[in-house]
Amino acid sequence: MDKDHFHFESHQPTRKRKNLSKSELVEGVINGDRAILARAITLVESDAVKHKQKAQEVINELLPHTGNSVRIGITGVPGAGKSTFIESMGQYLCNEGHRVAVLAVDPSSQVTGGSILGDKTRMEILSRDPRAFVRPSPSGGTLGGVSRKTRETILLCEAAGFDIILIETIGVGQSEVVVRNMVDFFLLLTLTGAGDELQAMKKGVVEITDAIVIHKADNDNKQRALMEMEEYNQILHYMKPMTPGWTVRAFTASSLLGEGIADLKKVIDQFVEGTKNSGFFEERRKTQLKDWVYSMIREELEQRFFSNSIVQTELPRLEHEVFQGRIIASSAVDEIFKIYEEDKKK
């Protein structure tokens, strides 16, 4: 599948493929051309040095057109129906006059070599809506690399006029923290009757969320969902919120019936208005930028260290020494860094 034409073949005329210039990419993104936006994102996702430089130049020119969206992170336990919920919410937002971009952070891609979102059947209705843009996460690379590419993709989507960015986490664990650090509002999607294992998975996420939605609150499950909502709200009452001055609450929703989405949008609007009035919205954006800078420094240092030829030669030897019980791990680390630093002085 050609990622550059993901989900919008039917909306754009067939173009002769060519290497677009920086100015063509910038102009196309600003004009909201989704095909050119997709090609700009592909440029950002590339690990090639020549592409990295060009991508940085494109984003720097687009910076004045960014920052005018609400960034919403959505995570959920397996089976909670994230895709269905995001599609339902995306359709509602589009019908309310918004332009919606759906992105993903997929740490599993470094293991599988691909993203679950690569399946074109996901969010099929939303992906055909000209007011929406659905994009798979970058495949391969580390979680840090995926994070960098997602942050830059957010800026490109904002420059293209998308005023609500929905960022889906695929998988559990570290990805929730990564997404929390790049969004304004963080939502946990759960469901009733989750077993002990799922409850344990949710525990840490609850502490960093701004709202909880008990999904699939329909038919015979509706009453159980309402009861679980009350239980969550009792627990949340005693928890310190991630966002100062904000009361984290639980709600119910049904994508099947289209219920709860409008209420959730009102909650998000209240959150944005309140945090902007208090100054915390802008403060969180600054914190996100700082986190981005430092995460990229760590990523760059790691890349430079492990790509060093002396490190590549000596590290296997030191690993073997540790395996044989001749030295401890901390001694091996000290020695490899001494070797690296001496090599850098040459």
Foldseek 3Di string as FASTA:
>chain_A
DPQLPQLEPVPDDDDDDDDDALVRLLVCLLQLPSSSLSVLLVLLLDPDPVSVVSNVVSLVVLVVQFDQAAEEEEEEDPPLCPLLVVLLLLVVCVVVPAQEEEEEQEQCLQVVQAFPQVPSVGSVVSSNDSSYHYHYFRGHDHSLSSLLSVLSSNRSNSSSPGHYYYYYYDDADPVLVSSLLRGLAYEYGYEPPDDPVRVVRCVVSVQSHQEYEHEPLDDPRVVRRVVVQVVVLVVQVPHDHNQPPGRYGYYYAYSVVSPPSVVVVVVVVVSVVVCVVVVNSVVSNVSSVVVNVVSVVVVVVVVVLCVDPVLVVCVVVLVVCCVVVNDPPVVSVVVSVVVVVVVVVD
